[in-house]
Amino acid sequence: MIEAVASRLIDALADFVARHQTLLVLTGAGCSTDSGIADYRDANGAWKRQQPMCYQEFVGSEQARRRYWARSLAGWPAFAEARPNTAHRALAALETAGFVHQVVTQNVDGLHQRAGSRRVIDLHGRLDAVVCLQCPYRGSRAAVQELLTACNPDFTARASALAPDGDADVERMDFGDFRPPECPNCGGLLKPAVVFFGEAVPKLRVERACQRLSEAGALLVVGSSLAVFSGYRFCKLAVERGQPVAAVNLGRTRADNDLALKLNLACGPVLDGLLARLGVNPSAADPAPAKSAP
């Protein structure tokens, strides 16, 4: 019975895509869970773990920066090893087939690009890069990992849970002696090139995504509860413009009352089934080699 209902919903999604191509696809943490990267919220939208680091806390507290970088040192290896899953590959194939003209992702893992998607706006930035808060420096997160290891040779911690932003839960410990990374150019504060909670998404990035939405036939949300406004704004804008919105997400979304179609199902199986119904080859997109964000 459950499988029959799911099949009918995927049929409905295939009809939605065929009628409204091309799509702007907005993705969230639920798109990357099958790659081993945890999502933020449960089916009711509540936090599954402690709230991620806030920008104001990061810039205002040396102790907070020590804690963040120590946890990041523990979590980065697993995050860096994450690979695209069925959902990422399906969206890349849909782009190649002409059904998707833009992906806007709230994720910071770069997995859409690695799966072969070429038109991706990283709304919240990329974790594989770092920026300096005092000068224009931008560098590789992998290089920072080597620096953190060299500056903290006695630090040992195993990540017990990995967060969507590369942070990790570690055993209770004192971070007082941990040395955060410094900018190699000016000695200033380094920060991952991502939008922290409490930090605004760059205006030009939002404007570009809004422009791409205006050129789309419809909006498809994949793996996002839309709990934060940075993603929800696109649903509001689509509804105001009369563009239909569909969502594939396990659990509630902030836009449930405005959806033309809702699939309360896992992203991977739904998108895999969607490819079959649209006659799209799952291998249509060529995987891209792993590389840091520019």
Protein backbone atom coordinates (compact mmCIF):
# COMPACT_ATOMS: atom_id res chain seq x y z
CA MET A 1 0.00 0.00 0.00
CA ILE A 2 2.77 2.44 0.98
CA GLU A 3 4.73 1.60 -2.17
CA ALA A 4 1.63 2.19 -4.31
CA VAL A 5 1.09 5.62 -2.76
CA ALA A 6 4.74 6.52 -3.27
CA SER A 7 4.55 5.39 -6.89
CA ARG A 8 1.51 7.58 -7.55
CA LEU A 9 3.25 10.56 -5.97
CA ILE A 10 6.31 10.07 -8.15
CA ASP A 11 4.01 9.83 -11.16
CA ALA A 12 2.51 13.17 -10.11
CA LEU A 13 5.99 14.68 -9.74
CA ALA A 14 6.95 13.48 -13.22
CA ASP A 15 3.83 15.17 -14.59
CA PHE A 16 4.71 18.35 -12.65
CA VAL A 17 8.23 18.41 -14.09
CA ALA A 18 7.09 17.66 -17.64
CA ARG A 19 4.48 20.44 -17.52
CA HIS A 20 6.63 23.11 -15.91
CA GLN A 21 10.13 22.63 -17.23
CA THR A 22 12.53 24.16 -16.83
CA LEU A 23 12.91 24.00 -13.07
CA LEU A 24 14.83 25.90 -10.47
CA VAL A 25 15.71 23.32 -7.82
CA LEU A 26 16.36 24.44 -4.24
CA THR A 27 18.17 21.80 -2.18
CA GLY A 28 18.84 21.43 1.52
CA ALA A 29 20.55 19.14 4.00
CA GLY A 30 18.17 16.25 3.28
CA CYS A 31 19.74 15.95 -0.15
CA SER A 32 23.11 15.01 1.39
CA THR A 33 22.12 12.68 4.23
CA ASP A 34 22.74 9.60 2.09
CA SER A 35 26.30 10.86 1.63
CA GLY A 36 26.84 10.59 5.37
CA ILE A 37 26.33 14.26 6.18
CA ALA A 38 23.67 14.76 8.84
CA ASP A 39 20.74 17.15 8.46
CA TYR A 40 19.82 19.86 10.94
CA ARG A 41 16.21 19.17 11.84
CA ASP A 42 13.76 16.36 12.54
CA ALA A 43 10.43 15.74 10.79
CA ASN A 44 8.77 18.47 12.88
CA GLY A 45 11.45 21.07 12.19
CA ALA A 46 13.12 20.87 15.62
CA TRP A 47 16.90 20.87 16.02
CA LYS A 48 18.43 17.39 16.08
CA ARG A 49 21.58 18.72 17.77
CA GLN A 50 22.78 21.97 19.23
CA GLN A 51 22.31 25.02 17.02
CA PRO A 52 25.32 25.64 14.74
CA MET A 53 27.84 28.37 15.42
CA CYS A 54 26.47 31.89 15.03
CA TYR A 55 28.49 34.54 13.22
CA GLN A 56 28.33 36.98 16.14
CA GLU A 57 29.67 34.32 18.51
CA PHE A 58 32.47 33.33 16.12
CA VAL A 59 33.78 36.87 15.61
CA GLY A 60 33.19 38.00 19.18
CA SER A 61 34.69 35.17 21.21
CA GLU A 62 38.17 33.68 21.01
CA GLN A 63 36.97 30.71 23.01
CA ALA A 64 34.17 30.12 20.51
CA ARG A 65 36.67 30.17 17.64
CA ARG A 66 38.88 27.67 19.47
CA ARG A 67 35.91 25.40 20.01
CA TYR A 68 34.76 25.71 16.40
CA TRP A 69 38.16 24.97 14.84
CA ALA A 70 38.87 22.09 17.23
CA ARG A 71 35.56 20.46 16.30
CA SER A 72 36.18 21.25 12.64
CA LEU A 73 39.60 19.62 12.82
CA ALA A 74 37.89 16.45 14.03
CA GLY A 75 35.03 16.60 11.53
CA TRP A 76 36.76 17.71 8.34
CA PRO A 77 38.23 14.33 7.24
CA ALA A 78 34.82 12.63 7.07
CA PHE A 79 33.23 15.69 5.48
CA ALA A 80 35.94 15.88 2.81
CA GLU A 81 35.50 12.19 1.99
CA ALA A 82 31.74 12.48 1.40
CA ARG A 83 30.67 11.49 -2.11
CA PRO A 84 27.60 12.40 -4.21
CA ASN A 85 24.60 10.14 -3.75
CA THR A 86 21.62 9.17 -5.92
CA ALA A 87 19.89 12.52 -5.37
CA HIS A 88 22.90 14.57 -6.50
CA ARG A 89 23.45 12.38 -9.54
CA ALA A 90 19.77 12.46 -10.50
CA LEU A 91 19.66 16.26 -10.40
CA ALA A 92 22.79 16.43 -12.55
CA ALA A 93 21.18 14.08 -15.07
CA LEU A 94 17.99 16.18 -15.08
CA GLU A 95 20.07 19.26 -15.81
CA THR A 96 21.81 17.53 -18.72
CA ALA A 97 18.43 16.41 -20.07
CA GLY A 98 17.11 19.98 -19.98
CA PHE A 99 14.61 19.66 -17.13
CA VAL A 100 16.65 21.68 -14.59
CA HIS A 101 18.12 25.02 -15.55
CA GLN A 102 19.47 26.00 -12.12
CA VAL A 103 20.27 24.42 -8.76
CA VAL A 104 20.34 26.70 -5.72
CA THR A 105 21.69 24.81 -2.74
CA GLN A 106 21.69 25.66 0.93
CA ASN A 107 24.35 22.98 1.43
CA VAL A 108 28.05 23.81 1.68
CA ASP A 109 29.47 20.43 0.64
CA GLY A 110 29.99 20.96 -3.11
CA LEU A 111 28.44 17.57 -3.88
CA HIS A 112 26.18 18.86 -6.65
CA GLN A 113 29.21 19.99 -8.63
CA ARG A 114 31.00 16.73 -7.99
CA ALA A 115 27.98 14.84 -9.29
CA GLY A 116 28.12 16.78 -12.56
CA SER A 117 25.75 19.72 -12.08
CA ARG A 118 27.13 22.75 -13.89
CA ARG A 119 24.62 25.44 -12.92
CA VAL A 120 24.87 25.65 -9.14
CA ILE A 121 24.53 28.64 -6.85
CA ASP A 122 26.05 27.86 -3.44
CA LEU A 123 23.67 30.06 -1.47
CA HIS A 124 25.49 29.57 1.83
CA GLY A 125 29.00 29.28 0.40
CA ARG A 126 31.43 26.36 0.40
CA LEU A 127 33.18 24.68 3.30
CA ASP A 128 36.19 23.67 1.20
CA ALA A 129 37.44 27.28 1.23
CA VAL A 130 38.37 29.76 3.95
CA VAL A 131 38.45 33.55 3.98
CA CYS A 132 40.21 36.13 6.12
CA LEU A 133 38.08 38.64 8.02
CA GLN A 134 40.85 41.25 7.90
CA CYS A 135 42.12 41.05 4.30
CA PRO A 136 41.03 39.68 0.87
CA TYR A 137 42.76 36.32 1.39
CA ARG A 138 40.85 33.21 0.27
CA GLY A 139 42.41 29.77 0.57
CA SER A 140 41.85 26.05 0.76
CA ARG A 141 40.24 24.36 3.76
CA ALA A 142 42.44 21.31 3.12
CA ALA A 143 45.53 23.46 3.64
CA VAL A 144 44.04 24.78 6.88
CA GLN A 145 43.63 21.19 8.06
CA GLU A 146 47.37 20.70 7.71
CA LEU A 147 48.00 23.95 9.56
CA LEU A 148 45.63 23.01 12.39
CA THR A 149 47.30 19.64 12.76
CA ALA A 150 50.78 21.17 12.85
CA CYS A 151 49.79 23.86 15.36
CA ASN A 152 47.96 21.42 17.65
CA PRO A 153 50.09 18.25 17.61
CA ASP A 154 48.71 16.99 20.92
CA PHE A 155 45.07 17.41 19.97
CA THR A 156 43.24 14.14 19.43
CA ALA A 157 39.49 13.84 19.07
CA ARG A 158 37.19 11.56 17.15
CA ALA A 159 34.01 12.97 15.67
CA SER A 160 30.97 11.20 17.08
CA ALA A 161 28.50 12.98 14.78
CA LEU A 162 29.04 15.09 11.68
CA ALA A 163 26.97 18.23 11.06
CA PRO A 164 25.89 19.68 7.70
CA ASP A 165 28.41 22.52 8.07
CA GLY A 166 31.39 20.24 8.76
CA ASP A 167 31.30 20.87 12.49
CA ALA A 168 31.38 17.74 14.61
CA ASP A 169 30.39 16.54 18.04
CA VAL A 170 33.42 15.46 20.04
CA GLU A 171 33.93 14.22 23.55
CA ARG A 172 33.74 16.89 26.24
CA MET A 173 37.14 18.54 26.46
CA ASP A 174 38.94 21.77 27.24
CA PHE A 175 39.66 23.84 24.12
CA GLY A 176 41.57 26.50 26.05
CA ASP A 177 44.97 25.60 24.61
CA PHE A 178 43.78 24.99 21.06
CA ARG A 179 45.38 27.27 18.45
CA PRO A 180 42.98 28.44 15.71
CA PRO A 181 44.42 29.09 12.24
CA GLU A 182 45.73 32.52 11.28
CA CYS A 183 45.68 34.16 7.89
CA PRO A 184 49.00 33.49 6.09
CA ASN A 185 48.88 36.99 4.60
CA CYS A 186 48.09 39.23 7.55
CA GLY A 187 47.75 37.02 10.64
CA GLY A 188 44.03 37.86 10.84
CA LEU A 189 41.05 35.68 11.70
CA LEU A 190 40.23 32.88 9.28
CA LYS A 191 36.64 31.81 8.79
CA PRO A 192 35.18 29.06 6.61
CA ALA A 193 33.74 30.56 3.43
CA VAL A 194 30.18 29.78 4.49
CA VAL A 195 27.28 31.86 5.72
CA PHE A 196 26.97 31.28 9.46
CA PHE A 197 23.67 31.52 11.27
CA GLY A 198 23.04 35.20 11.96
CA GLU A 199 25.06 36.24 8.91
CA ALA A 200 23.46 37.65 5.75
CA VAL A 201 23.70 35.86 2.42
CA PRO A 202 25.63 38.12 0.00
CA LYS A 203 23.18 40.38 -1.84
CA LEU A 204 24.50 39.67 -5.33
CA ARG A 205 24.17 35.91 -4.73
CA VAL A 206 20.53 36.30 -3.70
CA GLU A 207 19.80 38.58 -6.67
CA ARG A 208 21.30 36.07 -9.09
CA ALA A 209 19.20 33.23 -7.63
CA CYS A 210 16.05 35.37 -7.81
CA GLN A 211 16.77 36.20 -11.43
CA ARG A 212 17.21 32.53 -12.27
CA LEU A 213 13.93 31.75 -10.50
CA SER A 214 12.16 34.35 -12.63
CA GLU A 215 13.35 32.44 -15.72
CA ALA A 216 12.04 29.08 -14.46
CA GLY A 217 8.71 27.42 -15.07
CA ALA A 218 8.44 26.17 -11.49
CA LEU A 219 10.31 25.65 -8.24
CA LEU A 220 11.19 22.22 -6.88
CA VAL A 221 12.41 21.96 -3.27
CA VAL A 222 14.49 18.88 -2.47
CA GLY A 223 15.49 17.96 1.08
CA SER A 224 14.80 21.23 2.86
CA SER A 225 12.39 22.12 5.66
CA LEU A 226 12.73 25.78 4.57
CA ALA A 227 13.03 26.70 8.24
CA VAL A 228 15.48 29.53 7.53
CA PHE A 229 14.38 32.50 5.47
CA SER A 230 17.37 32.36 3.13
CA GLY A 231 15.73 29.39 1.40
CA TYR A 232 12.08 30.07 2.20
CA ARG A 233 12.27 33.44 0.43
CA PHE A 234 12.34 31.66 -2.94
CA CYS A 235 9.10 29.83 -2.17
CA LYS A 236 7.46 33.11 -1.16
CA LEU A 237 8.70 34.77 -4.32
CA ALA A 238 7.52 31.91 -6.54
CA VAL A 239 4.04 31.96 -4.97
CA GLU A 240 3.82 35.74 -5.39
CA ARG A 241 4.69 35.35 -9.07
CA GLY A 242 2.21 32.53 -9.61
CA GLN A 243 4.92 29.91 -10.15
CA PRO A 244 3.97 26.44 -8.84
CA VAL A 245 6.09 24.93 -6.08
CA ALA A 246 6.62 21.23 -5.36
CA ALA A 247 8.67 19.69 -2.56
CA VAL A 248 10.32 16.38 -1.78
CA ASN A 249 11.17 16.30 1.91
CA LEU A 250 10.83 13.94 4.84
CA GLY A 251 8.79 15.94 7.31
CA ARG A 252 7.17 19.35 7.41
CA THR A 253 8.29 22.34 5.43
CA ARG A 254 7.62 25.97 6.17
CA ALA A 255 5.84 26.26 2.81
CA ASP A 256 3.51 23.25 3.13
CA ASN A 257 0.38 25.41 2.78
CA ASP A 258 1.63 26.87 -0.51
CA LEU A 259 2.78 23.69 -2.23
CA ALA A 260 1.17 22.44 -5.41
CA LEU A 261 2.63 18.99 -4.67
CA LYS A 262 4.30 17.50 -1.60
CA LEU A 263 6.15 14.18 -1.41
CA ASN A 264 6.92 13.24 2.19
CA LEU A 265 9.54 10.77 1.00
CA ALA A 266 13.32 10.35 0.89
CA CYS A 267 15.02 12.33 -1.87
CA GLY A 268 17.12 9.60 -3.48
CA PRO A 269 14.43 7.02 -4.31
CA VAL A 270 12.02 9.74 -5.49
CA LEU A 271 14.51 11.34 -7.87
CA ASP A 272 15.66 7.94 -9.11
CA GLY A 273 12.04 7.06 -9.88
CA LEU A 274 11.56 10.45 -11.51
CA LEU A 275 14.40 9.75 -13.95
CA ALA A 276 12.80 6.47 -14.98
CA ARG A 277 9.43 8.09 -15.63
CA LEU A 278 10.96 10.91 -17.66
CA GLY A 279 13.17 8.53 -19.62
CA VAL A 280 16.37 10.18 -18.44
CA ASN A 281 19.60 8.19 -18.31
CA PRO A 282 20.93 8.30 -14.70
CA SER A 283 24.47 8.48 -16.12
CA ALA A 284 23.69 11.41 -18.41
CA ALA A 285 25.89 13.81 -16.41
CA ASP A 286 29.64 13.35 -16.18
CA PRO A 287 30.95 13.45 -12.60
CA ALA A 288 33.28 16.34 -11.97
CA PRO A 289 36.63 15.90 -10.19
CA ALA A 290 36.77 17.07 -6.61
CA LYS A 291 38.12 20.59 -6.25
CA SER A 292 37.79 23.53 -3.94
CA ALA A 293 35.42 26.38 -4.58
CA PRO A 294 36.98 29.31 -6.48
